[in-house]
PDB file of N, CA and C in Angstrom:
ATOM      1  N   UNK A   1       9.076  16.329  -1.087  1.00  0.00           N
ATOM      2  CA  UNK A   1       8.427  15.456  -1.730  1.00  0.00           C
ATOM      3  C   UNK A   1       9.186  13.319  -1.320  1.00  0.00           C
ATOM      4  N   UNK A   2       8.818  12.252  -1.281  1.00  0.00           N
ATOM      5  CA  UNK A   2      10.133  11.663  -1.211  1.00  0.00           C
ATOM      6  C   UNK A   2       9.733  10.503  -2.828  1.00  0.00           C
ATOM      7  N   UNK A   3      11.161  10.106  -2.607  1.00  0.00           N
ATOM      8  CA  UNK A   3      11.795   9.363  -3.599  1.00  0.00           C
ATOM      9  C   UNK A   3      10.796   8.442  -3.788  1.00  0.00           C
ATOM     10  N   UNK A   4      10.811   7.727  -4.646  1.00  0.00           N
ATOM     11  CA  UNK A   4       9.780   6.255  -5.172  1.00  0.00           C
ATOM     12  C   UNK A   4       9.620   5.266  -4.303  1.00  0.00           C
ATOM     13  N   UNK A   5      11.150   6.085  -4.573  1.00  0.00           N
ATOM     14  CA  UNK A   5      11.884   4.392  -3.407  1.00  0.00           C
ATOM     15  C   UNK A   5      11.598   3.828  -2.025  1.00  0.00           C
ATOM     16  N   UNK A   6      10.984   5.750  -2.088  1.00  0.00           N
ATOM     17  CA  UNK A   6      11.264   5.380  -0.422  1.00  0.00           C
ATOM     18  C   UNK A   6       9.313   5.306   0.642  1.00  0.00           C
ATOM     19  N   UNK A   7       9.189   4.587  -1.406  1.00  0.00           N
ATOM     20  CA  UNK A   7       7.414   4.600  -1.192  1.00  0.00           C
ATOM     21  C   UNK A   7       6.969   2.527  -1.148  1.00  0.00           C
ATOM     22  N   UNK A   8       5.887   2.170  -0.880  1.00  0.00           N
ATOM     23  CA  UNK A   8       5.609   1.164  -1.588  1.00  0.00           C
ATOM     24  C   UNK A   8       3.526   2.142  -2.013  1.00  0.00           C
ATOM     25  N   UNK A   9       3.727   0.713  -3.238  1.00  0.00           N
ATOM     26  CA  UNK A   9       2.584   1.159  -4.121  1.00  0.00           C
ATOM     27  C   UNK A   9       1.910   0.321  -3.594  1.00  0.00           C
ATOM     28  N   UNK A  10       0.157   1.014  -3.586  1.00  0.00           N
ATOM     29  CA  UNK A  10      -0.838  -0.529  -3.674  1.00  0.00           C
ATOM     30  C   UNK A  10      -1.626  -0.437  -5.003  1.00  0.00           C
ATOM     31  N   UNK A  11      -2.500  -0.811  -5.505  1.00  0.00           N
ATOM     32  CA  UNK A  11      -2.931  -0.213  -6.593  1.00  0.00           C
ATOM     33  C   UNK A  11      -3.981  -1.865  -6.160  1.00  0.00           C
ATOM     34  N   UNK A  12      -5.495  -0.772  -6.955  1.00  0.00           N
ATOM     35  CA  UNK A  12      -6.613  -1.363  -7.197  1.00  0.00           C
ATOM     36  C   UNK A  12      -7.011  -1.542  -8.807  1.00  0.00           C
ATOM     37  N   UNK A  13      -6.817  -2.584  -8.991  1.00  0.00           N
ATOM     38  CA  UNK A  13      -7.349  -2.810 -10.919  1.00  0.00           C
ATOM     39  C   UNK A  13      -8.115  -3.009 -11.497  1.00  0.00           C
ATOM     40  N   UNK A  14      -9.023  -3.111 -12.655  1.00  0.00           N
ATOM     41  CA  UNK A  14     -10.301  -3.047 -12.858  1.00  0.00           C
ATOM     42  C   UNK A  14     -10.931  -3.949 -12.099  1.00  0.00           C
ATOM     43  N   UNK A  15     -10.533  -5.511 -11.810  1.00  0.00           N
ATOM     44  CA  UNK A  15     -11.522  -6.397 -11.379  1.00  0.00           C
ATOM     45  C   UNK A  15     -11.492  -6.172 -10.610  1.00  0.00           C
ATOM     46  N   UNK A  16     -11.216  -4.827  -9.783  1.00  0.00           N
ATOM     47  CA  UNK A  16     -11.040  -4.699  -8.318  1.00  0.00           C
ATOM     48  C   UNK A  16     -10.570  -6.001  -7.422  1.00  0.00           C
ATOM     49  N   UNK A  17      -9.229  -6.232  -8.079  1.00  0.00           N
ATOM     50  CA  UNK A  17      -8.376  -6.955  -6.902  1.00  0.00           C
ATOM     51  C   UNK A  17      -7.120  -5.587  -5.971  1.00  0.00           C
ATOM     52  N   UNK A  18      -6.657  -5.998  -5.104  1.00  0.00           N
ATOM     53  CA  UNK A  18      -6.022  -5.001  -4.327  1.00  0.00           C
ATOM     54  C   UNK A  18      -5.004  -6.042  -4.477  1.00  0.00           C
ATOM     55  N   UNK A  19      -3.515  -5.021  -4.688  1.00  0.00           N
ATOM     56  CA  UNK A  19      -1.995  -5.592  -3.943  1.00  0.00           C
ATOM     57  C   UNK A  19      -1.024  -4.986  -3.957  1.00  0.00           C
ATOM     58  N   UNK A  20       0.027  -5.481  -4.006  1.00  0.00           N
ATOM     59  CA  UNK A  20       1.093  -4.069  -3.889  1.00  0.00           C
ATOM     60  C   UNK A  20       2.124  -4.768  -5.296  1.00  0.00           C
ATOM     61  N   UNK A  21       2.308  -3.426  -5.902  1.00  0.00           N
ATOM     62  CA  UNK A  21       2.785  -3.249  -6.620  1.00  0.00           C
ATOM     63  C   UNK A  21       4.392  -2.474  -6.951  1.00  0.00           C
ATOM     64  N   UNK A  22       5.047  -3.809  -6.216  1.00  0.00           N
ATOM     65  CA  UNK A  22       6.825  -3.187  -6.420  1.00  0.00           C
ATOM     66  C   UNK A  22       7.428  -2.367  -7.571  1.00  0.00           C
ATOM     67  N   UNK A  23       6.644  -2.867  -8.551  1.00  0.00           N
ATOM     68  CA  UNK A  23       7.425  -2.223 -10.043  1.00  0.00           C
ATOM     69  C   UNK A  23       6.727  -0.549 -10.125  1.00  0.00           C
ATOM     70  N   UNK A  24       5.673  -0.760  -9.163  1.00  0.00           N
ATOM     71  CA  UNK A  24       5.264   0.942  -9.570  1.00  0.00           C
ATOM     72  C   UNK A  24       4.264   0.924 -11.284  1.00  0.00           C
ATOM     73  N   UNK A  25       4.324   0.042 -11.920  1.00  0.00           N
ATOM     74  CA  UNK A  25       3.956   0.255 -12.919  1.00  0.00           C
ATOM     75  C   UNK A  25       2.681   0.227 -13.549  1.00  0.00           C
ATOM     76  N   UNK A  26       1.909  -0.960 -12.877  1.00  0.00           N
ATOM     77  CA  UNK A  26       0.192  -1.696 -12.758  1.00  0.00           C
ATOM     78  C   UNK A  26      -0.167  -0.822 -12.951  1.00  0.00           C
ATOM     79  N   UNK A  27      -1.242  -1.226 -14.026  1.00  0.00           N
ATOM     80  CA  UNK A  27      -2.276  -0.288 -14.387  1.00  0.00           C
ATOM     81  C   UNK A  27      -3.800  -0.076 -12.754  1.00  0.00           C
ATOM     82  N   UNK A  28      -4.232   0.606 -12.887  1.00  0.00           N
ATOM     83  CA  UNK A  28      -4.828   1.070 -11.688  1.00  0.00           C
ATOM     84  C   UNK A  28      -4.602   2.117 -10.882  1.00  0.00           C
ATOM     85  N   UNK A  29      -6.550   2.617  -9.820  1.00  0.00           N
ATOM     86  CA  UNK A  29      -5.393   3.442  -8.748  1.00  0.00           C
ATOM     87  C   UNK A  29      -4.685   3.015  -8.053  1.00  0.00           C
ATOM     88  N   UNK A  30      -4.197   3.817  -7.366  1.00  0.00           N
ATOM     89  CA  UNK A  30      -2.659   4.167  -6.904  1.00  0.00           C
ATOM     90  C   UNK A  30      -2.381   4.482  -5.905  1.00  0.00           C
ATOM     91  N   UNK A  31      -2.715   4.346  -4.243  1.00  0.00           N
ATOM     92  CA  UNK A  31      -2.336   4.796  -3.344  1.00  0.00           C
ATOM     93  C   UNK A  31      -0.735   4.602  -3.056  1.00  0.00           C
ATOM     94  N   UNK A  32       0.212   5.560  -2.330  1.00  0.00           N
ATOM     95  CA  UNK A  32       1.056   5.021  -1.634  1.00  0.00           C
ATOM     96  C   UNK A  32       1.608   5.608  -0.494  1.00  0.00           C
ATOM     97  N   UNK A  33       2.331   4.349   0.704  1.00  0.00           N
ATOM     98  CA  UNK A  33       2.117   4.616   1.614  1.00  0.00           C
ATOM     99  C   UNK A  33       4.125   4.432   2.586  1.00  0.00           C
ATOM    100  N   UNK A  34       4.755   5.031   3.148  1.00  0.00           N
ATOM    101  CA  UNK A  34       6.291   5.351   3.071  1.00  0.00           C
ATOM    102  C   UNK A  34       6.638   3.574   3.643  1.00  0.00           C
ATOM    103  N   UNK A  35       7.896   3.820   3.112  1.00  0.00           N
ATOM    104  CA  UNK A  35       8.114   2.120   3.037  1.00  0.00           C
ATOM    105  C   UNK A  35       8.803   1.671   4.601  1.00  0.00           C
ATOM    106  N   UNK A  36       8.288   2.481   6.025  1.00  0.00           N
ATOM    107  CA  UNK A  36       8.623   2.441   7.283  1.00  0.00           C
ATOM    108  C   UNK A  36       7.441   1.349   7.916  1.00  0.00           C
ATOM    109  N   UNK A  37       7.904   1.210   9.516  1.00  0.00           N
ATOM    110  CA  UNK A  37       6.697   0.106   9.915  1.00  0.00           C
ATOM    111  C   UNK A  37       5.860   0.872  10.694  1.00  0.00           C
ATOM    112  N   UNK A  38       6.038   1.835  11.105  1.00  0.00           N
ATOM    113  CA  UNK A  38       5.075   3.011  12.163  1.00  0.00           C
ATOM    114  C   UNK A  38       4.390   3.490  10.179  1.00  0.00           C
ATOM    115  N   UNK A  39       4.533   3.979   9.583  1.00  0.00           N
ATOM    116  CA  UNK A  39       4.212   4.443   8.479  1.00  0.00           C
ATOM    117  C   UNK A  39       2.922   3.577   8.118  1.00  0.00           C
ATOM    118  N   UNK A  40       3.371   2.471   8.225  1.00  0.00           N
ATOM    119  CA  UNK A  40       2.079   0.595   7.117  1.00  0.00           C
ATOM    120  C   UNK A  40       1.204   0.900   8.832  1.00  0.00           C
ATOM    121  N   UNK A  41       1.630   1.417   9.616  1.00  0.00           N
ATOM    122  CA  UNK A  41       0.999   1.083  10.980  1.00  0.00           C
ATOM    123  C   UNK A  41       0.115   1.890  10.810  1.00  0.00           C
ATOM    124  N   UNK A  42       0.448   3.316  10.710  1.00  0.00           N
ATOM    125  CA  UNK A  42      -0.425   4.532  11.389  1.00  0.00           C
ATOM    126  C   UNK A  42      -1.636   4.016  10.148  1.00  0.00           C
ATOM    127  N   UNK A  43      -1.111   4.138   8.663  1.00  0.00           N
ATOM    128  CA  UNK A  43      -1.992   3.863   7.755  1.00  0.00           C
ATOM    129  C   UNK A  43      -3.109   2.853   8.178  1.00  0.00           C
ATOM    130  N   UNK A  44      -3.081   2.053   8.886  1.00  0.00           N
ATOM    131  CA  UNK A  44      -3.715   0.597   9.151  1.00  0.00           C
ATOM    132  C   UNK A  44      -4.639   1.325  10.081  1.00  0.00           C
ATOM    133  N   UNK A  45      -4.124   1.643  11.247  1.00  0.00           N
ATOM    134  CA  UNK A  45      -5.483   2.024  12.343  1.00  0.00           C
ATOM    135  C   UNK A  45      -6.127   3.550  11.564  1.00  0.00           C
ATOM    136  N   UNK A  46      -5.653   3.520  10.803  1.00  0.00           N
ATOM    137  CA  UNK A  46      -6.342   4.860  10.116  1.00  0.00           C
ATOM    138  C   UNK A  46      -7.188   4.717   8.814  1.00  0.00           C
ATOM    139  N   UNK A  47      -6.849   3.293   8.080  1.00  0.00           N
ATOM    140  CA  UNK A  47      -7.617   2.954   7.399  1.00  0.00           C
ATOM    141  C   UNK A  47      -7.465   3.953   5.851  1.00  0.00           C
ATOM    142  N   UNK A  48      -5.734   4.113   6.351  1.00  0.00           N
ATOM    143  CA  UNK A  48      -6.069   5.272   4.922  1.00  0.00           C
ATOM    144  C   UNK A  48      -5.487   4.715   4.428  1.00  0.00           C
ATOM    145  N   UNK A  49      -5.325   3.722   3.288  1.00  0.00           N
ATOM    146  CA  UNK A  49      -5.745   2.535   1.875  1.00  0.00           C
ATOM    147  C   UNK A  49      -7.009   3.327   1.489  1.00  0.00           C
ATOM    148  N   UNK A  50      -8.422   2.339   2.362  1.00  0.00           N
ATOM    149  CA  UNK A  50      -9.654   2.326   1.494  1.00  0.00           C
ATOM    150  C   UNK A  50     -10.001   3.796   1.046  1.00  0.00           C
ATOM    151  N   UNK A  51      -9.505   5.311   1.938  1.00  0.00           N
ATOM    152  CA  UNK A  51      -9.266   6.454   1.815  1.00  0.00           C
ATOM    153  C   UNK A  51      -8.957   6.967   0.347  1.00  0.00           C
ATOM    154  N   UNK A  52      -7.304   6.418   0.136  1.00  0.00           N
ATOM    155  CA  UNK A  52      -6.591   6.543  -1.233  1.00  0.00           C
ATOM    156  C   UNK A  52      -7.608   6.106  -2.052  1.00  0.00           C
ATOM    157  N   UNK A  53      -7.348   4.872  -1.931  1.00  0.00           N
ATOM    158  CA  UNK A  53      -8.334   3.889  -3.433  1.00  0.00           C
ATOM    159  C   UNK A  53      -9.974   3.954  -3.068  1.00  0.00           C
ATOM    160  N   UNK A  54      -9.983   4.614  -2.804  1.00  0.00           N
ATOM    161  CA  UNK A  54     -11.831   5.340  -3.574  1.00  0.00           C
ATOM    162  C   UNK A  54     -13.144   3.638  -2.724  1.00  0.00           C
ATOM    163  N   UNK A  55     -12.613   2.392  -2.552  1.00  0.00           N
ATOM    164  CA  UNK A  55     -13.042   1.481  -1.961  1.00  0.00           C
ATOM    165  C   UNK A  55     -12.872   0.834  -0.287  1.00  0.00           C
ATOM    166  N   UNK A  56     -13.132  -0.416  -0.190  1.00  0.00           N
ATOM    167  CA  UNK A  56     -13.197  -0.916   1.097  1.00  0.00           C
ATOM    168  C   UNK A  56     -11.213  -1.628   0.766  1.00  0.00           C
ATOM    169  N   UNK A  57     -10.818  -1.617   1.744  1.00  0.00           N
ATOM    170  CA  UNK A  57      -9.421  -2.337   1.491  1.00  0.00           C
ATOM    171  C   UNK A  57      -9.934  -3.504   2.877  1.00  0.00           C
ATOM    172  N   UNK A  58      -9.287  -4.353   2.739  1.00  0.00           N
ATOM    173  CA  UNK A  58      -9.019  -5.934   3.724  1.00  0.00           C
ATOM    174  C   UNK A  58      -8.043  -5.755   5.045  1.00  0.00           C
ATOM    175  N   UNK A  59      -7.964  -5.914   6.266  1.00  0.00           N
ATOM    176  CA  UNK A  59      -7.008  -5.541   6.763  1.00  0.00           C
ATOM    177  C   UNK A  59      -6.453  -6.288   6.653  1.00  0.00           C
ATOM    178  N   UNK A  60      -6.250  -7.533   6.101  1.00  0.00           N
ATOM    179  CA  UNK A  60      -5.022  -8.330   5.790  1.00  0.00           C
ATOM    180  C   UNK A  60      -3.519  -8.003   4.140  1.00  0.00           C
ATOM    181  N   UNK A  61      -4.162  -6.673   3.581  1.00  0.00           N
ATOM    182  CA  UNK A  61      -3.360  -5.790   2.568  1.00  0.00           C
ATOM    183  C   UNK A  61      -2.343  -5.528   3.915  1.00  0.00           C
ATOM    184  N   UNK A  62      -2.295  -4.493   4.888  1.00  0.00           N
ATOM    185  CA  UNK A  62      -2.000  -3.695   5.792  1.00  0.00           C
ATOM    186  C   UNK A  62      -1.100  -4.949   6.143  1.00  0.00           C
ATOM    187  N   UNK A  63      -1.794  -5.832   6.672  1.00  0.00           N
ATOM    188  CA  UNK A  63      -0.425  -7.597   7.312  1.00  0.00           C
ATOM    189  C   UNK A  63       0.627  -7.515   5.907  1.00  0.00           C
ATOM    190  N   UNK A  64       0.148  -8.222   4.535  1.00  0.00           N
ATOM    191  CA  UNK A  64       0.423  -8.033   3.614  1.00  0.00           C
ATOM    192  C   UNK A  64       2.745  -7.229   3.903  1.00  0.00           C
ATOM    193  N   UNK A  65       1.295  -5.742   3.561  1.00  0.00           N
ATOM    194  CA  UNK A  65       2.795  -4.508   3.877  1.00  0.00           C
ATOM    195  C   UNK A  65       4.164  -4.497   5.044  1.00  0.00           C
ATOM    196  N   UNK A  66       2.755  -4.793   6.675  1.00  0.00           N
ATOM    197  CA  UNK A  66       3.654  -5.197   6.997  1.00  0.00           C
ATOM    198  C   UNK A  66       5.093  -6.107   6.936  1.00  0.00           C
ATOM    199  N   UNK A  67       4.812  -7.354   6.539  1.00  0.00           N
ATOM    200  CA  UNK A  67       5.191  -8.638   5.912  1.00  0.00           C
ATOM    201  C   UNK A  67       6.881  -8.290   5.424  1.00  0.00           C
ATOM    202  N   UNK A  68       5.800  -7.796   4.602  1.00  0.00           N
ATOM    203  CA  UNK A  68       7.479  -7.180   3.107  1.00  0.00           C
ATOM    204  C   UNK A  68       8.147  -6.029   4.139  1.00  0.00           C
ATOM    205  N   UNK A  69       8.136  -5.053   4.875  1.00  0.00           N
ATOM    206  CA  UNK A  69       8.835  -4.261   5.599  1.00  0.00           C
ATOM    207  C   UNK A  69       9.641  -5.777   6.393  1.00  0.00           C
ATOM    208  N   UNK A  70       8.743  -6.363   6.713  1.00  0.00           N
ATOM    209  CA  UNK A  70      10.091  -6.760   7.385  1.00  0.00           C
ATOM    210  C   UNK A  70      10.876  -8.646   6.817  1.00  0.00           C
ATOM    211  N   UNK A  71      10.761  -8.354   5.587  1.00  0.00           N
ATOM    212  CA  UNK A  71      11.639  -8.856   4.605  1.00  0.00           C
ATOM    213  C   UNK A  71      12.314  -8.355   4.466  1.00  0.00           C
ATOM    214  N   UNK A  72      12.278  -7.491   4.092  1.00  0.00           N
ATOM    215  CA  UNK A  72      13.201  -5.510   3.165  1.00  0.00           C
ATOM    216  C   UNK A  72      14.473  -5.745   4.647  1.00  0.00           C
ATOM    217  N   UNK A  73      14.158  -5.908   5.848  1.00  0.00           N
ATOM    218  CA  UNK A  73      15.037  -5.163   6.963  1.00  0.00           C
ATOM    219  C   UNK A  73      15.495  -6.201   8.085  1.00  0.00           C
TER     220      UNK A  73
END
């Protein structure tokens, strides 16, 4: 099992807003992506966040994840 620091949390809240939760504490349904560029690309290709959050996820959230990863490294 991976440590939380190795994961990025994406949340769907009660207002149907989808956002990246770096605090890991936001209310709502959460889905995790491994904190590396390859995992983000695979998640985007297979649209895994839509499956995990049980709703349609706009591709822009994957772009935000890629941008976040590039800023961290």
